[in-house]
Amino acid sequence: MSKVLVAYASKAGSTGEVAQAIAQELCAQGLTVDVRRVREVKDVSEYDAFVVGSAIRMGSWLGEAKQFVEVNAAALQAAPTAFFTVHMLNTDDSEESKTNRAAYVAPIHAIVQPDAEAFFAGKMELGKLSFLDRMISKMMGAQDEDKRDWEAIKRWADQLTPQLA
């Protein structure tokens, strides 16, 4: 039986909740799964597969997520690996949105090409952000909203199971 690490970086908690939902579905499919913030992961040698996710901030994965991929590139390349990205903009199927989503992960793909990948709309909760982040977000027109599609997240995790097992 495969042991899977679901590792994530989150600014205000939404990406962590998505990671938990992915892990819960993988467990329901019979996999052994640990869920950890990327900064809490010290050793990946005990894992057979990886699901790594990050929130988007200023058009990129969070720095700690990118660093996790850099540090663990050899292990990620040698095992089944999936990436997920949680974001609030570019959530439709237009060419512009697809191009922008590709730009979010281009620096990560330069390090590791995942076997599977998904982009999920996230949740904005301004009260959970730092003062500076809250001000920047408000200037960009952000408001409290939850765009997460839990069924889409579950379906993606279901599709991952055969690849990770």
C-alpha atoms as a PDB file:
ATOM      1  CA  MET A   1       0.000   0.000   0.000  1.00  0.00           C
ATOM      2  CA  SER A   2       1.330   3.419  -0.939  1.00  0.00           C
ATOM      3  CA  LYS A   3       2.007   6.100   1.612  1.00  0.00           C
ATOM      4  CA  VAL A   4       1.144   9.532   0.221  1.00  0.00           C
ATOM      5  CA  LEU A   5       2.219  12.946   1.439  1.00  0.00           C
ATOM      6  CA  VAL A   6      -0.181  15.805   0.796  1.00  0.00           C
ATOM      7  CA  ALA A   7       1.957  18.898   1.421  1.00  0.00           C
ATOM      8  CA  TYR A   8       0.688  22.433   1.037  1.00  0.00           C
ATOM      9  CA  ALA A   9       1.410  26.115   1.541  1.00  0.00           C
ATOM     10  CA  SER A  10      -1.453  28.363   2.566  1.00  0.00           C
ATOM     11  CA  LYS A  11      -1.693  32.066   3.285  1.00  0.00           C
ATOM     12  CA  ALA A  12      -4.999  32.141   5.192  1.00  0.00           C
ATOM     13  CA  GLY A  13      -6.087  28.504   5.483  1.00  0.00           C
ATOM     14  CA  SER A  14      -8.165  27.856   2.374  1.00  0.00           C
ATOM     15  CA  THR A  15      -5.472  25.775   0.660  1.00  0.00           C
ATOM     16  CA  GLY A  16      -5.046  23.738   3.831  1.00  0.00           C
ATOM     17  CA  GLU A  17      -8.757  22.934   3.790  1.00  0.00           C
ATOM     18  CA  VAL A  18      -8.468  21.828   0.146  1.00  0.00           C
ATOM     19  CA  ALA A  19      -5.449  19.661   1.064  1.00  0.00           C
ATOM     20  CA  GLN A  20      -7.455  18.063   3.881  1.00  0.00           C
ATOM     21  CA  ALA A  21     -10.330  17.304   1.485  1.00  0.00           C
ATOM     22  CA  ILE A  22      -7.932  15.701  -1.012  1.00  0.00           C
ATOM     23  CA  ALA A  23      -6.328  13.618   1.736  1.00  0.00           C
ATOM     24  CA  GLN A  24      -9.704  12.538   3.084  1.00  0.00           C
ATOM     25  CA  GLU A  25     -10.752  11.286  -0.336  1.00  0.00           C
ATOM     26  CA  LEU A  26      -7.453   9.459  -0.887  1.00  0.00           C
ATOM     27  CA  CYS A  27      -7.878   7.777   2.506  1.00  0.00           C
ATOM     28  CA  ALA A  28     -11.433   6.781   1.576  1.00  0.00           C
ATOM     29  CA  GLN A  29      -9.916   5.083  -1.480  1.00  0.00           C
ATOM     30  CA  GLY A  30      -7.627   3.011   0.751  1.00  0.00           C
ATOM     31  CA  LEU A  31      -4.369   4.994   0.654  1.00  0.00           C
ATOM     32  CA  THR A  32      -2.345   5.912   3.723  1.00  0.00           C
ATOM     33  CA  VAL A  33      -2.003   9.689   3.738  1.00  0.00           C
ATOM     34  CA  ASP A  34      -0.242  12.337   5.811  1.00  0.00           C
ATOM     35  CA  VAL A  35      -1.213  15.993   5.423  1.00  0.00           C
ATOM     36  CA  ARG A  36       1.428  18.584   6.330  1.00  0.00           C
ATOM     37  CA  ARG A  37       2.262  22.198   5.694  1.00  0.00           C
ATOM     38  CA  VAL A  38       5.363  22.221   3.513  1.00  0.00           C
ATOM     39  CA  ARG A  39       7.341  24.037   6.207  1.00  0.00           C
ATOM     40  CA  GLU A  40       6.625  21.167   8.638  1.00  0.00           C
ATOM     41  CA  VAL A  41       8.011  18.451   6.339  1.00  0.00           C
ATOM     42  CA  LYS A  42      11.575  17.547   7.242  1.00  0.00           C
ATOM     43  CA  ASP A  43      12.001  14.204   5.464  1.00  0.00           C
ATOM     44  CA  VAL A  44      10.123  12.796   2.456  1.00  0.00           C
ATOM     45  CA  SER A  45      11.936   9.443   2.280  1.00  0.00           C
ATOM     46  CA  GLU A  46       9.054   7.484   3.843  1.00  0.00           C
ATOM     47  CA  TYR A  47       6.583   8.446   1.095  1.00  0.00           C
ATOM     48  CA  ASP A  48       5.780   6.624  -2.138  1.00  0.00           C
ATOM     49  CA  ALA A  49       3.785   9.436  -3.777  1.00  0.00           C
ATOM     50  CA  PHE A  50       3.207  13.168  -3.382  1.00  0.00           C
ATOM     51  CA  VAL A  51       0.446  15.721  -3.783  1.00  0.00           C
ATOM     52  CA  VAL A  52       1.796  19.254  -3.417  1.00  0.00           C
ATOM     53  CA  GLY A  53      -0.324  22.390  -3.428  1.00  0.00           C
ATOM     54  CA  SER A  54      -0.066  26.094  -2.958  1.00  0.00           C
ATOM     55  CA  ALA A  55      -2.138  29.200  -2.802  1.00  0.00           C
ATOM     56  CA  ILE A  56      -1.375  31.901  -5.333  1.00  0.00           C
ATOM     57  CA  ARG A  57      -0.048  35.202  -4.100  1.00  0.00           C
ATOM     58  CA  MET A  58       0.936  37.986  -6.491  1.00  0.00           C
ATOM     59  CA  GLY A  59       0.670  35.605  -9.444  1.00  0.00           C
ATOM     60  CA  SER A  60       2.912  32.825  -8.090  1.00  0.00           C
ATOM     61  CA  TRP A  61       2.986  29.819  -5.802  1.00  0.00           C
ATOM     62  CA  LEU A  62       3.975  30.799  -2.275  1.00  0.00           C
ATOM     63  CA  GLY A  63       7.745  30.867  -1.770  1.00  0.00           C
ATOM     64  CA  GLU A  64       7.721  28.098   0.823  1.00  0.00           C
ATOM     65  CA  ALA A  65       5.946  25.762  -1.632  1.00  0.00           C
ATOM     66  CA  LYS A  66       8.455  26.500  -4.371  1.00  0.00           C
ATOM     67  CA  GLN A  67      11.299  25.918  -1.916  1.00  0.00           C
ATOM     68  CA  PHE A  68       9.758  22.567  -0.906  1.00  0.00           C
ATOM     69  CA  VAL A  69       9.696  21.484  -4.557  1.00  0.00           C
ATOM     70  CA  GLU A  70      13.303  22.649  -5.070  1.00  0.00           C
ATOM     71  CA  VAL A  71      14.632  20.872  -1.977  1.00  0.00           C
ATOM     72  CA  ASN A  72      12.735  17.655  -2.703  1.00  0.00           C
ATOM     73  CA  ALA A  73      12.956  17.658  -6.511  1.00  0.00           C
ATOM     74  CA  ALA A  74      14.732  14.301  -6.772  1.00  0.00           C
ATOM     75  CA  ALA A  75      12.133  12.503  -4.644  1.00  0.00           C
ATOM     76  CA  LEU A  76       9.233  14.196  -6.450  1.00  0.00           C
ATOM     77  CA  GLN A  77      10.648  13.278  -9.865  1.00  0.00           C
ATOM     78  CA  ALA A  78      11.182   9.658  -8.823  1.00  0.00           C
ATOM     79  CA  ALA A  79       7.629   9.077  -7.549  1.00  0.00           C
ATOM     80  CA  PRO A  80       4.062   9.726  -8.689  1.00  0.00           C
ATOM     81  CA  THR A  81       3.504  13.430  -8.059  1.00  0.00           C
ATOM     82  CA  ALA A  82       0.519  15.716  -8.458  1.00  0.00           C
ATOM     83  CA  PHE A  83       0.257  19.472  -7.990  1.00  0.00           C
ATOM     84  CA  PHE A  84      -2.765  21.560  -7.111  1.00  0.00           C
ATOM     85  CA  THR A  85      -3.119  25.314  -7.112  1.00  0.00           C
ATOM     86  CA  VAL A  86      -5.738  27.313  -5.227  1.00  0.00           C
ATOM     87  CA  HIS A  87      -6.482  30.777  -6.569  1.00  0.00           C
ATOM     88  CA  MET A  88      -9.181  33.431  -6.847  1.00  0.00           C
ATOM     89  CA  LEU A  89      -8.513  34.859 -10.312  1.00  0.00           C
ATOM     90  CA  ASN A  90      -8.466  33.256 -13.765  1.00  0.00           C
ATOM     91  CA  THR A  91     -10.997  30.611 -12.800  1.00  0.00           C
ATOM     92  CA  ASP A  92     -12.851  30.363 -16.116  1.00  0.00           C
ATOM     93  CA  ASP A  93     -11.969  28.352 -19.225  1.00  0.00           C
ATOM     94  CA  SER A  94     -10.953  31.298 -21.413  1.00  0.00           C
ATOM     95  CA  GLU A  95      -7.584  31.242 -23.167  1.00  0.00           C
ATOM     96  CA  GLU A  96      -6.476  34.238 -21.094  1.00  0.00           C
ATOM     97  CA  SER A  97      -7.257  32.405 -17.839  1.00  0.00           C
ATOM     98  CA  LYS A  98      -5.499  29.250 -19.044  1.00  0.00           C
ATOM     99  CA  THR A  99      -2.442  31.298 -19.990  1.00  0.00           C
ATOM    100  CA  ASN A 100      -2.413  33.020 -16.609  1.00  0.00           C
ATOM    101  CA  ARG A 101      -2.775  29.723 -14.741  1.00  0.00           C
ATOM    102  CA  ALA A 102       0.136  28.299 -16.731  1.00  0.00           C
ATOM    103  CA  ALA A 103       2.196  31.320 -15.682  1.00  0.00           C
ATOM    104  CA  TYR A 104       1.392  30.635 -12.009  1.00  0.00           C
ATOM    105  CA  VAL A 105       3.116  27.258 -12.175  1.00  0.00           C
ATOM    106  CA  ALA A 106       5.778  27.790 -14.850  1.00  0.00           C
ATOM    107  CA  PRO A 107       8.562  28.302 -12.257  1.00  0.00           C
ATOM    108  CA  ILE A 108       7.457  25.116 -10.470  1.00  0.00           C
ATOM    109  CA  HIS A 109       7.274  23.127 -13.726  1.00  0.00           C
ATOM    110  CA  ALA A 110      10.834  24.233 -14.456  1.00  0.00           C
ATOM    111  CA  ILE A 111      11.818  22.195 -11.380  1.00  0.00           C
ATOM    112  CA  VAL A 112       9.413  19.220 -11.530  1.00  0.00           C
ATOM    113  CA  GLN A 113       6.790  18.188 -14.071  1.00  0.00           C
ATOM    114  CA  PRO A 114       3.844  16.638 -12.198  1.00  0.00           C
ATOM    115  CA  ASP A 115       2.013  13.521 -13.358  1.00  0.00           C
ATOM    116  CA  ALA A 116      -1.289  15.267 -12.669  1.00  0.00           C
ATOM    117  CA  GLU A 117      -2.330  18.818 -11.930  1.00  0.00           C
ATOM    118  CA  ALA A 118      -5.436  20.771 -10.973  1.00  0.00           C
ATOM    119  CA  PHE A 119      -6.430  24.371 -10.406  1.00  0.00           C
ATOM    120  CA  PHE A 120      -9.170  25.077  -7.869  1.00  0.00           C
ATOM    121  CA  ALA A 121     -10.968  28.304  -7.121  1.00  0.00           C
ATOM    122  CA  GLY A 122     -10.315  29.309  -3.532  1.00  0.00           C
ATOM    123  CA  LYS A 123     -11.717  31.287  -0.671  1.00  0.00           C
ATOM    124  CA  MET A 124     -11.016  34.883   0.258  1.00  0.00           C
ATOM    125  CA  GLU A 125     -11.391  35.722   3.909  1.00  0.00           C
ATOM    126  CA  LEU A 126      -9.955  39.199   4.319  1.00  0.00           C
ATOM    127  CA  GLY A 127     -10.081  39.010   8.120  1.00  0.00           C
ATOM    128  CA  LYS A 128      -7.483  36.212   8.095  1.00  0.00           C
ATOM    129  CA  LEU A 129      -4.925  38.234   6.148  1.00  0.00           C
ATOM    130  CA  SER A 130      -2.249  40.487   7.566  1.00  0.00           C
ATOM    131  CA  PHE A 131      -3.002  44.198   7.558  1.00  0.00           C
ATOM    132  CA  LEU A 132      -0.781  44.774   4.516  1.00  0.00           C
ATOM    133  CA  ASP A 133      -2.200  41.823   2.572  1.00  0.00           C
ATOM    134  CA  ARG A 134      -5.730  42.926   3.451  1.00  0.00           C
ATOM    135  CA  MET A 135      -5.063  46.442   2.154  1.00  0.00           C
ATOM    136  CA  ILE A 136      -3.509  45.157  -1.079  1.00  0.00           C
ATOM    137  CA  SER A 137      -6.404  42.743  -1.564  1.00  0.00           C
ATOM    138  CA  LYS A 138      -8.980  45.470  -0.996  1.00  0.00           C
ATOM    139  CA  MET A 139      -7.190  47.761  -3.468  1.00  0.00           C
ATOM    140  CA  MET A 140      -7.463  44.912  -6.002  1.00  0.00           C
ATOM    141  CA  GLY A 141     -11.220  44.723  -5.371  1.00  0.00           C
ATOM    142  CA  ALA A 142     -11.175  41.527  -3.323  1.00  0.00           C
ATOM    143  CA  GLN A 143     -14.056  40.693  -1.053  1.00  0.00           C
ATOM    144  CA  ASP A 144     -14.959  37.828   1.240  1.00  0.00           C
ATOM    145  CA  GLU A 145     -16.152  34.919  -0.881  1.00  0.00           C
ATOM    146  CA  ASP A 146     -15.823  31.167  -1.160  1.00  0.00           C
ATOM    147  CA  LYS A 147     -15.559  29.807  -4.709  1.00  0.00           C
ATOM    148  CA  ARG A 148     -14.336  26.311  -3.818  1.00  0.00           C
ATOM    149  CA  ASP A 149     -16.060  23.449  -5.639  1.00  0.00           C
ATOM    150  CA  TRP A 150     -15.808  20.550  -3.214  1.00  0.00           C
ATOM    151  CA  GLU A 151     -17.224  18.057  -5.707  1.00  0.00           C
ATOM    152  CA  ALA A 152     -14.549  18.967  -8.283  1.00  0.00           C
ATOM    153  CA  ILE A 153     -11.860  18.582  -5.611  1.00  0.00           C
ATOM    154  CA  LYS A 154     -13.230  15.167  -4.650  1.00  0.00           C
ATOM    155  CA  ARG A 155     -13.445  14.027  -8.295  1.00  0.00           C
ATOM    156  CA  TRP A 156      -9.832  15.046  -8.897  1.00  0.00           C
ATOM    157  CA  ALA A 157      -8.645  13.165  -5.809  1.00  0.00           C
ATOM    158  CA  ASP A 158     -10.599  10.103  -6.968  1.00  0.00           C
ATOM    159  CA  GLN A 159      -8.860  10.270 -10.350  1.00  0.00           C
ATOM    160  CA  LEU A 160      -5.468  10.492  -8.630  1.00  0.00           C
ATOM    161  CA  THR A 161      -5.887   7.306  -6.616  1.00  0.00           C
ATOM    162  CA  PRO A 162      -4.789   4.832  -9.335  1.00  0.00           C
ATOM    163  CA  GLN A 163      -1.753   6.996 -10.184  1.00  0.00           C
ATOM    164  CA  LEU A 164      -0.650   7.297  -6.551  1.00  0.00           C
ATOM    165  CA  ALA A 165      -1.355   3.724  -5.444  1.00  0.00           C
END
